[in-house]
Amino acid sequence: MTDPLQPDPSLLQDIVTMKMSFGKYKGTLLCDLPEFYLNWFKRQGFPKGKLGILLETMYEIRLNGLTDLLKPLRGGR
């Protein structure tokens, strides 16, 4: 059984492989979305469901300067 208080490591893998499904940045990897776009979602509200969770996670990663956590998953990029 997984601990609901522990982060799901698969979220990070999804952030570096999943692409934005709509809007101006459709087709862009979630990890490559511009910071201002993530900030806009923070102000307006993140979408419901998994995409919203991933976008909010990416927002928090950027906010806290933790983008280096994604490098191993991206092959060092």
N, C-alpha and C. Protein backbone atom coordinates (compact mmCIF):
# COMPACT_ATOMS: atom_id res chain seq x y z
N MET A 1 0.84 -1.19 0.00
CA MET A 1 0.00 0.00 0.00
C MET A 1 0.88 1.24 0.00
N THR A 2 0.54 2.23 -0.82
CA THR A 2 1.33 3.45 -0.89
C THR A 2 0.88 4.44 0.16
N ASP A 3 1.83 5.23 0.60
CA ASP A 3 1.55 6.26 1.60
C ASP A 3 1.01 7.49 0.88
N PRO A 4 -0.21 7.94 1.18
CA PRO A 4 -0.79 9.09 0.47
C PRO A 4 -0.04 10.40 0.73
N LEU A 5 0.80 10.43 1.76
CA LEU A 5 1.56 11.64 2.06
C LEU A 5 2.89 11.69 1.31
N GLN A 6 3.28 10.58 0.70
CA GLN A 6 4.53 10.54 -0.06
C GLN A 6 4.25 10.89 -1.52
N PRO A 7 5.14 11.69 -2.14
CA PRO A 7 4.92 12.04 -3.54
C PRO A 7 5.03 10.81 -4.44
N ASP A 8 4.30 10.85 -5.51
CA ASP A 8 4.30 9.76 -6.48
C ASP A 8 5.44 10.00 -7.47
N PRO A 9 6.47 9.14 -7.46
CA PRO A 9 7.61 9.37 -8.37
C PRO A 9 7.24 9.30 -9.84
N SER A 10 6.14 8.63 -10.17
CA SER A 10 5.74 8.55 -11.57
C SER A 10 5.30 9.91 -12.11
N LEU A 11 4.93 10.84 -11.21
CA LEU A 11 4.55 12.19 -11.65
C LEU A 11 5.72 12.87 -12.35
N LEU A 12 6.91 12.71 -11.82
CA LEU A 12 8.08 13.34 -12.45
C LEU A 12 8.32 12.76 -13.84
N GLN A 13 8.18 11.44 -13.98
CA GLN A 13 8.34 10.82 -15.29
C GLN A 13 7.30 11.35 -16.26
N ASP A 14 6.08 11.50 -15.80
CA ASP A 14 5.01 12.03 -16.66
C ASP A 14 5.30 13.48 -17.07
N ILE A 15 5.86 14.27 -16.18
CA ILE A 15 6.16 15.67 -16.50
C ILE A 15 7.16 15.79 -17.64
N VAL A 16 8.10 14.85 -17.72
CA VAL A 16 9.12 14.94 -18.78
C VAL A 16 8.72 14.20 -20.06
N THR A 17 7.58 13.49 -20.03
CA THR A 17 7.16 12.76 -21.24
C THR A 17 5.81 13.21 -21.80
N MET A 18 4.97 13.78 -20.95
CA MET A 18 3.63 14.18 -21.40
C MET A 18 3.68 15.57 -22.04
N LYS A 19 2.89 15.72 -23.08
CA LYS A 19 2.82 17.00 -23.78
C LYS A 19 1.52 17.71 -23.45
N MET A 20 1.58 19.03 -23.50
CA MET A 20 0.39 19.86 -23.27
C MET A 20 -0.65 19.50 -24.32
N SER A 21 -1.88 19.32 -23.88
CA SER A 21 -2.91 18.81 -24.78
C SER A 21 -3.79 19.88 -25.42
N PHE A 22 -3.59 21.15 -25.05
CA PHE A 22 -4.43 22.20 -25.62
C PHE A 22 -3.71 23.54 -25.52
N GLY A 23 -4.28 24.53 -26.19
CA GLY A 23 -3.80 25.90 -26.08
C GLY A 23 -2.58 26.22 -26.92
N LYS A 24 -2.04 27.39 -26.66
CA LYS A 24 -0.90 27.91 -27.41
C LYS A 24 0.30 26.97 -27.38
N TYR A 25 0.46 26.26 -26.27
CA TYR A 25 1.62 25.38 -26.10
C TYR A 25 1.28 23.91 -26.31
N LYS A 26 0.20 23.64 -27.04
CA LYS A 26 -0.17 22.26 -27.36
C LYS A 26 1.02 21.57 -28.02
N GLY A 27 1.35 20.38 -27.53
CA GLY A 27 2.46 19.61 -28.09
C GLY A 27 3.78 19.86 -27.39
N THR A 28 3.85 20.81 -26.46
CA THR A 28 5.06 21.10 -25.71
C THR A 28 5.12 20.21 -24.48
N LEU A 29 6.29 19.63 -24.23
CA LEU A 29 6.45 18.84 -23.01
C LEU A 29 6.12 19.70 -21.80
N LEU A 30 5.47 19.12 -20.82
CA LEU A 30 5.08 19.88 -19.64
C LEU A 30 6.30 20.50 -18.95
N CYS A 31 7.43 19.81 -18.96
CA CYS A 31 8.64 20.33 -18.32
C CYS A 31 9.23 21.51 -19.08
N ASP A 32 8.81 21.72 -20.31
CA ASP A 32 9.33 22.81 -21.14
C ASP A 32 8.38 24.01 -21.22
N LEU A 33 7.27 23.95 -20.53
CA LEU A 33 6.34 25.07 -20.56
C LEU A 33 6.97 26.30 -19.91
N PRO A 34 6.75 27.47 -20.48
CA PRO A 34 7.32 28.69 -19.90
C PRO A 34 6.78 28.96 -18.50
N GLU A 35 7.62 29.56 -17.69
CA GLU A 35 7.25 29.85 -16.30
C GLU A 35 6.02 30.75 -16.23
N PHE A 36 5.94 31.75 -17.12
CA PHE A 36 4.78 32.66 -17.07
C PHE A 36 3.48 31.92 -17.33
N TYR A 37 3.52 30.87 -18.13
CA TYR A 37 2.33 30.08 -18.42
C TYR A 37 1.88 29.30 -17.18
N LEU A 38 2.84 28.73 -16.46
CA LEU A 38 2.52 28.04 -15.22
C LEU A 38 2.00 29.02 -14.17
N ASN A 39 2.58 30.21 -14.13
CA ASN A 39 2.10 31.25 -13.22
C ASN A 39 0.66 31.65 -13.54
N TRP A 40 0.36 31.71 -14.83
CA TRP A 40 -1.01 32.05 -15.25
C TRP A 40 -1.99 30.99 -14.74
N PHE A 41 -1.64 29.71 -14.89
CA PHE A 41 -2.50 28.65 -14.38
C PHE A 41 -2.66 28.76 -12.87
N LYS A 42 -1.59 29.12 -12.17
CA LYS A 42 -1.68 29.27 -10.72
C LYS A 42 -2.71 30.34 -10.35
N ARG A 43 -2.70 31.44 -11.09
CA ARG A 43 -3.65 32.52 -10.82
C ARG A 43 -5.08 32.14 -11.23
N GLN A 44 -5.24 31.49 -12.36
CA GLN A 44 -6.55 31.20 -12.93
C GLN A 44 -7.16 29.90 -12.40
N GLY A 45 -6.29 29.01 -11.96
CA GLY A 45 -6.73 27.69 -11.52
C GLY A 45 -6.23 26.62 -12.47
N PHE A 46 -5.65 25.59 -11.91
CA PHE A 46 -5.14 24.49 -12.72
C PHE A 46 -6.32 23.65 -13.20
N PRO A 47 -6.18 23.01 -14.38
CA PRO A 47 -7.26 22.14 -14.86
C PRO A 47 -7.51 21.00 -13.87
N LYS A 48 -8.67 20.41 -13.96
CA LYS A 48 -9.01 19.25 -13.13
C LYS A 48 -8.26 18.03 -13.64
N GLY A 49 -8.12 17.05 -12.80
CA GLY A 49 -7.55 15.76 -13.19
C GLY A 49 -6.04 15.72 -13.20
N LYS A 50 -5.53 14.70 -13.88
CA LYS A 50 -4.09 14.44 -13.87
C LYS A 50 -3.29 15.59 -14.48
N LEU A 51 -3.77 16.18 -15.56
CA LEU A 51 -3.04 17.28 -16.17
C LEU A 51 -2.85 18.42 -15.17
N GLY A 52 -3.88 18.74 -14.44
CA GLY A 52 -3.78 19.80 -13.44
C GLY A 52 -2.77 19.47 -12.35
N ILE A 53 -2.76 18.23 -11.92
CA ILE A 53 -1.79 17.79 -10.91
C ILE A 53 -0.38 17.93 -11.45
N LEU A 54 -0.17 17.53 -12.69
CA LEU A 54 1.16 17.62 -13.30
C LEU A 54 1.59 19.08 -13.47
N LEU A 55 0.69 19.92 -13.94
CA LEU A 55 1.03 21.33 -14.12
C LEU A 55 1.34 22.00 -12.78
N GLU A 56 0.56 21.67 -11.77
CA GLU A 56 0.82 22.26 -10.44
C GLU A 56 2.14 21.75 -9.87
N THR A 57 2.45 20.49 -10.12
CA THR A 57 3.74 19.94 -9.68
C THR A 57 4.88 20.65 -10.39
N MET A 58 4.75 20.87 -11.68
CA MET A 58 5.79 21.58 -12.43
C MET A 58 5.92 23.01 -11.94
N TYR A 59 4.82 23.65 -11.62
CA TYR A 59 4.85 25.00 -11.05
C TYR A 59 5.66 25.00 -9.75
N GLU A 60 5.40 24.06 -8.87
CA GLU A 60 6.11 23.98 -7.59
C GLU A 60 7.59 23.68 -7.79
N ILE A 61 7.91 22.84 -8.76
CA ILE A 61 9.31 22.54 -9.06
C ILE A 61 10.03 23.81 -9.48
N ARG A 62 9.42 24.57 -10.38
CA ARG A 62 10.03 25.82 -10.84
C ARG A 62 10.11 26.84 -9.70
N LEU A 63 9.03 26.98 -8.95
CA LEU A 63 8.97 27.95 -7.86
C LEU A 63 10.08 27.72 -6.84
N ASN A 64 10.39 26.47 -6.59
CA ASN A 64 11.39 26.12 -5.58
C ASN A 64 12.78 25.84 -6.16
N GLY A 65 12.97 26.13 -7.45
CA GLY A 65 14.28 25.97 -8.06
C GLY A 65 14.77 24.53 -8.11
N LEU A 66 13.86 23.61 -8.36
CA LEU A 66 14.20 22.19 -8.33
C LEU A 66 14.21 21.54 -9.71
N THR A 67 14.37 22.32 -10.75
CA THR A 67 14.32 21.74 -12.11
C THR A 67 15.44 20.73 -12.36
N ASP A 68 16.53 20.81 -11.59
CA ASP A 68 17.60 19.83 -11.76
C ASP A 68 17.14 18.41 -11.43
N LEU A 69 16.07 18.28 -10.65
CA LEU A 69 15.52 16.95 -10.36
C LEU A 69 15.07 16.24 -11.62
N LEU A 70 14.72 17.00 -12.64
CA LEU A 70 14.19 16.40 -13.87
C LEU A 70 15.29 15.98 -14.84
N LYS A 71 16.50 16.49 -14.68
CA LYS A 71 17.58 16.21 -15.63
C LYS A 71 17.85 14.72 -15.83
N PRO A 72 17.95 13.93 -14.76
CA PRO A 72 18.19 12.49 -15.00
C PRO A 72 17.07 11.83 -15.79
N LEU A 73 15.87 12.29 -15.61
CA LEU A 73 14.73 11.71 -16.33
C LEU A 73 14.69 12.15 -17.79
N ARG A 74 15.33 13.27 -18.07
CA ARG A 74 15.35 13.81 -19.43
C ARG A 74 16.61 13.40 -20.17
N GLY A 75 17.43 12.60 -19.54
CA GLY A 75 18.69 12.21 -20.16
C GLY A 75 19.72 13.32 -20.04
N GLY A 76 19.66 14.11 -18.96
CA GLY A 76 20.65 15.15 -18.72
C GLY A 76 20.35 16.49 -19.34
N ARG A 77 19.26 16.59 -20.13
CA ARG A 77 18.94 17.87 -20.78
C ARG A 77 18.34 18.84 -19.80
